[in-house]
Amino acid sequence: VQLQASGGGLVQAGGSLRLSCAASGSMLSINIMGWYRQAPGKQREMVASMSSGGSTLYADSVKGRFTISRDNAKTAVYLRMNSLKPEDTAVYYCKYYDRVNDYWGQGTLVTVSS
């Protein structure tokens, strides 16, 4: 599975961004796609995930501000980020995983200025 992420950029605090990640290749029907982020000097952390069945999971730090969604074909995942804060600055990675494998996309940088 190949993952192509896009949508990062520079935004002022309080602003919004939408990240997109398109998946291609052999995907199992039951899977999870999600977003992780890694800030400078910190460990990578889960931001949000969504199963092929529609179940979602969010990090406490983004609840109420970020929304994850997937397209009907379940081959793309999106992250709508509202009310962005400087502490949201990080490289964001999309991830696909199923019962057999897991794959990472390349990161996309999100920078939130104060």
N, C-alpha and C. Protein backbone atom coordinates (compact mmCIF):
# COMPACT_ATOMS: atom_id res chain seq x y z
N VAL A 1 0.85 -1.19 0.00
CA VAL A 1 0.00 0.00 0.00
C VAL A 1 0.89 1.24 0.00
N GLN A 2 0.56 2.15 -0.89
CA GLN A 2 1.30 3.41 -0.95
C GLN A 2 0.37 4.53 -0.47
N LEU A 3 0.94 5.44 0.28
CA LEU A 3 0.17 6.54 0.86
C LEU A 3 0.79 7.86 0.44
N GLN A 4 -0.04 8.76 -0.03
CA GLN A 4 0.42 10.06 -0.46
C GLN A 4 -0.33 11.13 0.32
N ALA A 5 0.40 11.82 1.17
CA ALA A 5 -0.21 12.85 2.01
C ALA A 5 0.03 14.23 1.43
N SER A 6 -0.90 15.13 1.69
CA SER A 6 -0.77 16.50 1.23
C SER A 6 -1.61 17.41 2.12
N GLY A 7 -1.39 18.72 1.97
CA GLY A 7 -2.24 19.68 2.65
C GLY A 7 -1.60 20.46 3.78
N GLY A 8 -0.37 20.14 4.13
CA GLY A 8 0.28 20.88 5.19
C GLY A 8 0.62 22.30 4.75
N GLY A 9 1.06 23.09 5.70
CA GLY A 9 1.43 24.45 5.37
C GLY A 9 1.59 25.30 6.61
N LEU A 10 1.68 26.59 6.38
CA LEU A 10 1.83 27.56 7.46
C LEU A 10 0.50 28.26 7.68
N VAL A 11 0.08 28.32 8.92
CA VAL A 11 -1.19 28.95 9.25
C VAL A 11 -1.05 29.66 10.58
N GLN A 12 -1.81 30.72 10.75
CA GLN A 12 -1.80 31.44 12.03
C GLN A 12 -2.63 30.70 13.06
N ALA A 13 -2.31 30.92 14.30
CA ALA A 13 -3.09 30.33 15.38
C ALA A 13 -4.56 30.71 15.22
N GLY A 14 -5.42 29.72 15.44
CA GLY A 14 -6.85 29.94 15.25
C GLY A 14 -7.34 29.58 13.86
N GLY A 15 -6.42 29.36 12.96
CA GLY A 15 -6.77 29.04 11.59
C GLY A 15 -7.08 27.58 11.39
N SER A 16 -7.30 27.21 10.14
CA SER A 16 -7.69 25.85 9.79
C SER A 16 -6.85 25.32 8.63
N LEU A 17 -6.71 24.02 8.60
CA LEU A 17 -6.07 23.32 7.49
C LEU A 17 -6.78 21.99 7.30
N ARG A 18 -6.68 21.46 6.09
CA ARG A 18 -7.23 20.13 5.80
C ARG A 18 -6.13 19.28 5.18
N LEU A 19 -5.84 18.18 5.83
CA LEU A 19 -4.86 17.24 5.31
C LEU A 19 -5.58 16.13 4.55
N SER A 20 -4.93 15.66 3.50
CA SER A 20 -5.47 14.57 2.71
C SER A 20 -4.42 13.48 2.57
N CYS A 21 -4.87 12.25 2.48
CA CYS A 21 -3.97 11.12 2.27
C CYS A 21 -4.68 10.13 1.37
N ALA A 22 -4.08 9.88 0.22
CA ALA A 22 -4.65 8.93 -0.74
C ALA A 22 -3.88 7.63 -0.68
N ALA A 23 -4.60 6.53 -0.60
CA ALA A 23 -3.99 5.21 -0.55
C ALA A 23 -4.20 4.48 -1.86
N SER A 24 -3.21 3.71 -2.24
CA SER A 24 -3.32 2.88 -3.44
C SER A 24 -2.63 1.57 -3.17
N GLY A 25 -3.01 0.55 -3.92
CA GLY A 25 -2.43 -0.75 -3.72
C GLY A 25 -3.44 -1.73 -3.14
N SER A 26 -2.92 -2.82 -2.63
CA SER A 26 -3.77 -3.89 -2.15
C SER A 26 -4.16 -3.64 -0.70
N MET A 27 -5.42 -3.31 -0.51
CA MET A 27 -5.91 -3.01 0.83
C MET A 27 -6.95 -4.04 1.24
N LEU A 28 -6.89 -4.47 2.47
CA LEU A 28 -7.92 -5.36 2.98
C LEU A 28 -9.19 -4.56 3.28
N SER A 29 -10.31 -5.23 3.22
CA SER A 29 -11.58 -4.53 3.42
C SER A 29 -11.73 -4.02 4.84
N ILE A 30 -11.13 -4.71 5.78
CA ILE A 30 -11.18 -4.26 7.18
C ILE A 30 -9.82 -3.64 7.50
N ASN A 31 -9.83 -2.36 7.73
CA ASN A 31 -8.56 -1.67 7.96
C ASN A 31 -8.80 -0.40 8.77
N ILE A 32 -7.73 0.20 9.12
CA ILE A 32 -7.77 1.48 9.82
C ILE A 32 -6.82 2.44 9.13
N MET A 33 -7.25 3.66 8.96
CA MET A 33 -6.38 4.71 8.48
C MET A 33 -6.39 5.84 9.49
N GLY A 34 -5.25 6.46 9.65
CA GLY A 34 -5.19 7.50 10.67
C GLY A 34 -4.08 8.49 10.44
N TRP A 35 -4.01 9.42 11.35
CA TRP A 35 -3.01 10.47 11.31
C TRP A 35 -2.21 10.46 12.60
N TYR A 36 -0.91 10.58 12.45
CA TYR A 36 0.01 10.71 13.57
C TYR A 36 0.80 11.99 13.34
N ARG A 37 1.43 12.46 14.39
CA ARG A 37 2.27 13.64 14.23
C ARG A 37 3.51 13.53 15.11
N GLN A 38 4.54 14.22 14.67
CA GLN A 38 5.78 14.24 15.43
C GLN A 38 6.33 15.65 15.44
N ALA A 39 6.36 16.22 16.62
CA ALA A 39 6.91 17.55 16.80
C ALA A 39 8.41 17.44 17.06
N PRO A 40 9.16 18.50 16.80
CA PRO A 40 10.61 18.44 17.03
C PRO A 40 10.94 18.03 18.46
N GLY A 41 11.80 17.04 18.58
CA GLY A 41 12.24 16.59 19.89
C GLY A 41 11.25 15.75 20.65
N LYS A 42 10.14 15.40 20.00
CA LYS A 42 9.12 14.61 20.67
C LYS A 42 8.87 13.30 19.92
N GLN A 43 8.22 12.39 20.61
CA GLN A 43 7.88 11.12 19.98
C GLN A 43 6.66 11.28 19.09
N ARG A 44 6.56 10.40 18.13
CA ARG A 44 5.39 10.40 17.26
C ARG A 44 4.17 9.99 18.10
N GLU A 45 3.06 10.68 17.86
CA GLU A 45 1.85 10.39 18.61
C GLU A 45 0.66 10.28 17.68
N MET A 46 -0.31 9.48 18.10
CA MET A 46 -1.53 9.33 17.34
C MET A 46 -2.37 10.59 17.49
N VAL A 47 -2.92 11.05 16.38
CA VAL A 47 -3.79 12.22 16.40
C VAL A 47 -5.25 11.77 16.27
N ALA A 48 -5.52 10.99 15.24
CA ALA A 48 -6.88 10.51 15.00
C ALA A 48 -6.82 9.31 14.08
N SER A 49 -7.79 8.42 14.24
CA SER A 49 -7.87 7.26 13.36
C SER A 49 -9.32 6.94 13.08
N MET A 50 -9.52 6.25 11.97
CA MET A 50 -10.87 5.87 11.58
C MET A 50 -10.82 4.52 10.91
N SER A 51 -11.66 3.61 11.40
CA SER A 51 -11.71 2.27 10.82
C SER A 51 -12.56 2.27 9.55
N SER A 52 -12.42 1.20 8.79
CA SER A 52 -13.24 1.06 7.59
C SER A 52 -14.71 0.97 7.94
N GLY A 53 -15.00 0.62 9.18
CA GLY A 53 -16.39 0.55 9.64
C GLY A 53 -16.93 1.87 10.16
N GLY A 54 -16.05 2.86 10.24
CA GLY A 54 -16.49 4.19 10.65
C GLY A 54 -16.19 4.59 12.08
N SER A 55 -15.60 3.71 12.85
CA SER A 55 -15.25 4.06 14.23
C SER A 55 -14.07 5.02 14.24
N THR A 56 -14.15 6.00 15.13
CA THR A 56 -13.09 7.01 15.20
C THR A 56 -12.47 7.04 16.59
N LEU A 57 -11.26 7.53 16.61
CA LEU A 57 -10.52 7.69 17.85
C LEU A 57 -9.71 8.97 17.73
N TYR A 58 -9.72 9.78 18.79
CA TYR A 58 -8.99 11.04 18.77
C TYR A 58 -8.10 11.16 20.00
N ALA A 59 -6.97 11.82 19.82
CA ALA A 59 -6.16 12.19 20.97
C ALA A 59 -6.91 13.27 21.75
N ASP A 60 -6.77 13.25 23.06
CA ASP A 60 -7.48 14.23 23.89
C ASP A 60 -7.14 15.66 23.49
N SER A 61 -5.92 15.87 23.06
CA SER A 61 -5.47 17.22 22.74
C SER A 61 -6.14 17.82 21.51
N VAL A 62 -6.78 17.00 20.69
CA VAL A 62 -7.39 17.51 19.47
C VAL A 62 -8.90 17.34 19.45
N LYS A 63 -9.45 16.69 20.43
CA LYS A 63 -10.90 16.48 20.46
C LYS A 63 -11.64 17.81 20.40
N GLY A 64 -12.65 17.86 19.56
CA GLY A 64 -13.43 19.07 19.40
C GLY A 64 -12.85 20.05 18.42
N ARG A 65 -11.62 19.84 18.00
CA ARG A 65 -10.98 20.75 17.04
C ARG A 65 -10.69 20.06 15.71
N PHE A 66 -10.33 18.80 15.76
CA PHE A 66 -9.97 18.06 14.55
C PHE A 66 -11.08 17.05 14.22
N THR A 67 -11.27 16.82 12.94
CA THR A 67 -12.24 15.84 12.48
C THR A 67 -11.61 14.96 11.41
N ILE A 68 -11.66 13.66 11.63
CA ILE A 68 -11.14 12.73 10.65
C ILE A 68 -12.31 12.18 9.82
N SER A 69 -12.06 11.94 8.55
CA SER A 69 -13.08 11.37 7.69
C SER A 69 -12.41 10.54 6.60
N ARG A 70 -13.21 9.71 5.96
CA ARG A 70 -12.72 8.90 4.85
C ARG A 70 -13.70 9.01 3.70
N ASP A 71 -13.20 8.77 2.52
CA ASP A 71 -14.08 8.82 1.35
C ASP A 71 -14.89 7.52 1.27
N ASN A 72 -15.90 7.52 0.42
CA ASN A 72 -16.79 6.36 0.32
C ASN A 72 -16.05 5.10 -0.10
N ALA A 73 -15.04 5.25 -0.91
CA ALA A 73 -14.28 4.09 -1.37
C ALA A 73 -13.28 3.61 -0.32
N LYS A 74 -13.16 4.37 0.74
CA LYS A 74 -12.25 4.01 1.85
C LYS A 74 -10.80 3.94 1.39
N THR A 75 -10.46 4.73 0.38
CA THR A 75 -9.08 4.75 -0.07
C THR A 75 -8.39 6.08 0.24
N ALA A 76 -9.10 6.96 0.90
CA ALA A 76 -8.50 8.23 1.28
C ALA A 76 -8.95 8.59 2.69
N VAL A 77 -8.10 9.29 3.36
CA VAL A 77 -8.43 9.76 4.71
C VAL A 77 -8.09 11.25 4.79
N TYR A 78 -8.92 11.98 5.51
CA TYR A 78 -8.76 13.42 5.62
C TYR A 78 -8.72 13.81 7.09
N LEU A 79 -8.08 14.93 7.34
CA LEU A 79 -8.06 15.47 8.69
C LEU A 79 -8.35 16.96 8.60
N ARG A 80 -9.52 17.34 9.07
CA ARG A 80 -9.86 18.75 9.12
C ARG A 80 -9.41 19.28 10.47
N MET A 81 -8.56 20.27 10.45
CA MET A 81 -8.00 20.82 11.68
C MET A 81 -8.45 22.27 11.84
N ASN A 82 -9.24 22.51 12.87
CA ASN A 82 -9.73 23.85 13.18
C ASN A 82 -9.10 24.36 14.47
N SER A 83 -9.20 25.65 14.68
CA SER A 83 -8.70 26.27 15.91
C SER A 83 -7.27 25.82 16.22
N LEU A 84 -6.45 25.88 15.22
CA LEU A 84 -5.08 25.39 15.37
C LEU A 84 -4.30 26.22 16.38
N LYS A 85 -3.44 25.52 17.09
CA LYS A 85 -2.60 26.12 18.12
C LYS A 85 -1.13 25.93 17.76
N PRO A 86 -0.26 26.79 18.27
CA PRO A 86 1.17 26.59 17.99
C PRO A 86 1.66 25.20 18.38
N GLU A 87 1.08 24.63 19.42
CA GLU A 87 1.51 23.29 19.83
C GLU A 87 1.06 22.19 18.88
N ASP A 88 0.27 22.53 17.88
CA ASP A 88 -0.09 21.57 16.84
C ASP A 88 0.99 21.48 15.76
N THR A 89 1.97 22.34 15.84
CA THR A 89 3.06 22.32 14.87
C THR A 89 3.80 20.99 14.92
N ALA A 90 3.89 20.33 13.78
CA ALA A 90 4.52 19.01 13.71
C ALA A 90 4.52 18.54 12.26
N VAL A 91 5.23 17.47 12.04
CA VAL A 91 5.10 16.75 10.79
C VAL A 91 3.99 15.73 10.99
N TYR A 92 3.02 15.76 10.10
CA TYR A 92 1.88 14.87 10.18
C TYR A 92 2.04 13.73 9.19
N TYR A 93 1.81 12.51 9.67
CA TYR A 93 1.95 11.32 8.86
C TYR A 93 0.62 10.57 8.80
N CYS A 94 0.27 10.07 7.64
CA CYS A 94 -0.88 9.19 7.58
C CYS A 94 -0.39 7.74 7.67
N LYS A 95 -1.26 6.91 8.15
CA LYS A 95 -0.93 5.50 8.36
C LYS A 95 -2.10 4.64 7.96
N TYR A 96 -1.79 3.53 7.34
CA TYR A 96 -2.78 2.50 7.02
C TYR A 96 -2.34 1.23 7.72
N TYR A 97 -3.30 0.53 8.37
CA TYR A 97 -2.95 -0.78 8.89
C TYR A 97 -4.16 -1.70 8.89
N ASP A 98 -3.84 -2.97 8.72
CA ASP A 98 -4.85 -4.02 8.77
C ASP A 98 -4.28 -5.18 9.57
N ARG A 99 -4.89 -6.34 9.48
CA ARG A 99 -4.47 -7.45 10.34
C ARG A 99 -3.13 -8.03 9.92
N VAL A 100 -2.64 -7.62 8.75
CA VAL A 100 -1.40 -8.19 8.22
C VAL A 100 -0.24 -7.19 8.23
N ASN A 101 -0.49 -6.00 7.79
CA ASN A 101 0.58 -5.04 7.57
C ASN A 101 0.22 -3.64 8.07
N ASP A 102 1.22 -2.81 8.14
CA ASP A 102 0.98 -1.40 8.36
C ASP A 102 1.94 -0.60 7.48
N TYR A 103 1.48 0.53 7.02
CA TYR A 103 2.23 1.37 6.10
C TYR A 103 2.12 2.83 6.51
N TRP A 104 3.21 3.55 6.26
CA TRP A 104 3.25 4.97 6.56
C TRP A 104 3.40 5.78 5.28
N GLY A 105 2.77 6.92 5.25
CA GLY A 105 3.00 7.86 4.17
C GLY A 105 4.14 8.79 4.52
N GLN A 106 4.54 9.59 3.56
CA GLN A 106 5.55 10.59 3.86
C GLN A 106 4.89 11.69 4.69
N GLY A 107 5.62 12.40 5.43
CA GLY A 107 5.04 13.41 6.29
C GLY A 107 4.71 14.69 5.55
N THR A 108 3.81 15.45 6.14
CA THR A 108 3.51 16.78 5.63
C THR A 108 3.59 17.74 6.81
N LEU A 109 4.32 18.82 6.62
CA LEU A 109 4.61 19.73 7.72
C LEU A 109 3.48 20.72 7.93
N VAL A 110 3.05 20.81 9.18
CA VAL A 110 2.07 21.81 9.59
C VAL A 110 2.76 22.74 10.58
N THR A 111 2.77 24.02 10.26
CA THR A 111 3.38 25.01 11.14
C THR A 111 2.32 26.03 11.52
N VAL A 112 2.11 26.19 12.83
CA VAL A 112 1.12 27.13 13.33
C VAL A 112 1.86 28.26 14.04
N SER A 113 1.72 29.45 13.51
CA SER A 113 2.41 30.60 14.10
C SER A 113 1.52 31.28 15.13
N SER A 114 2.16 31.83 16.14
CA SER A 114 1.39 32.49 17.21
C SER A 114 1.17 33.96 16.91
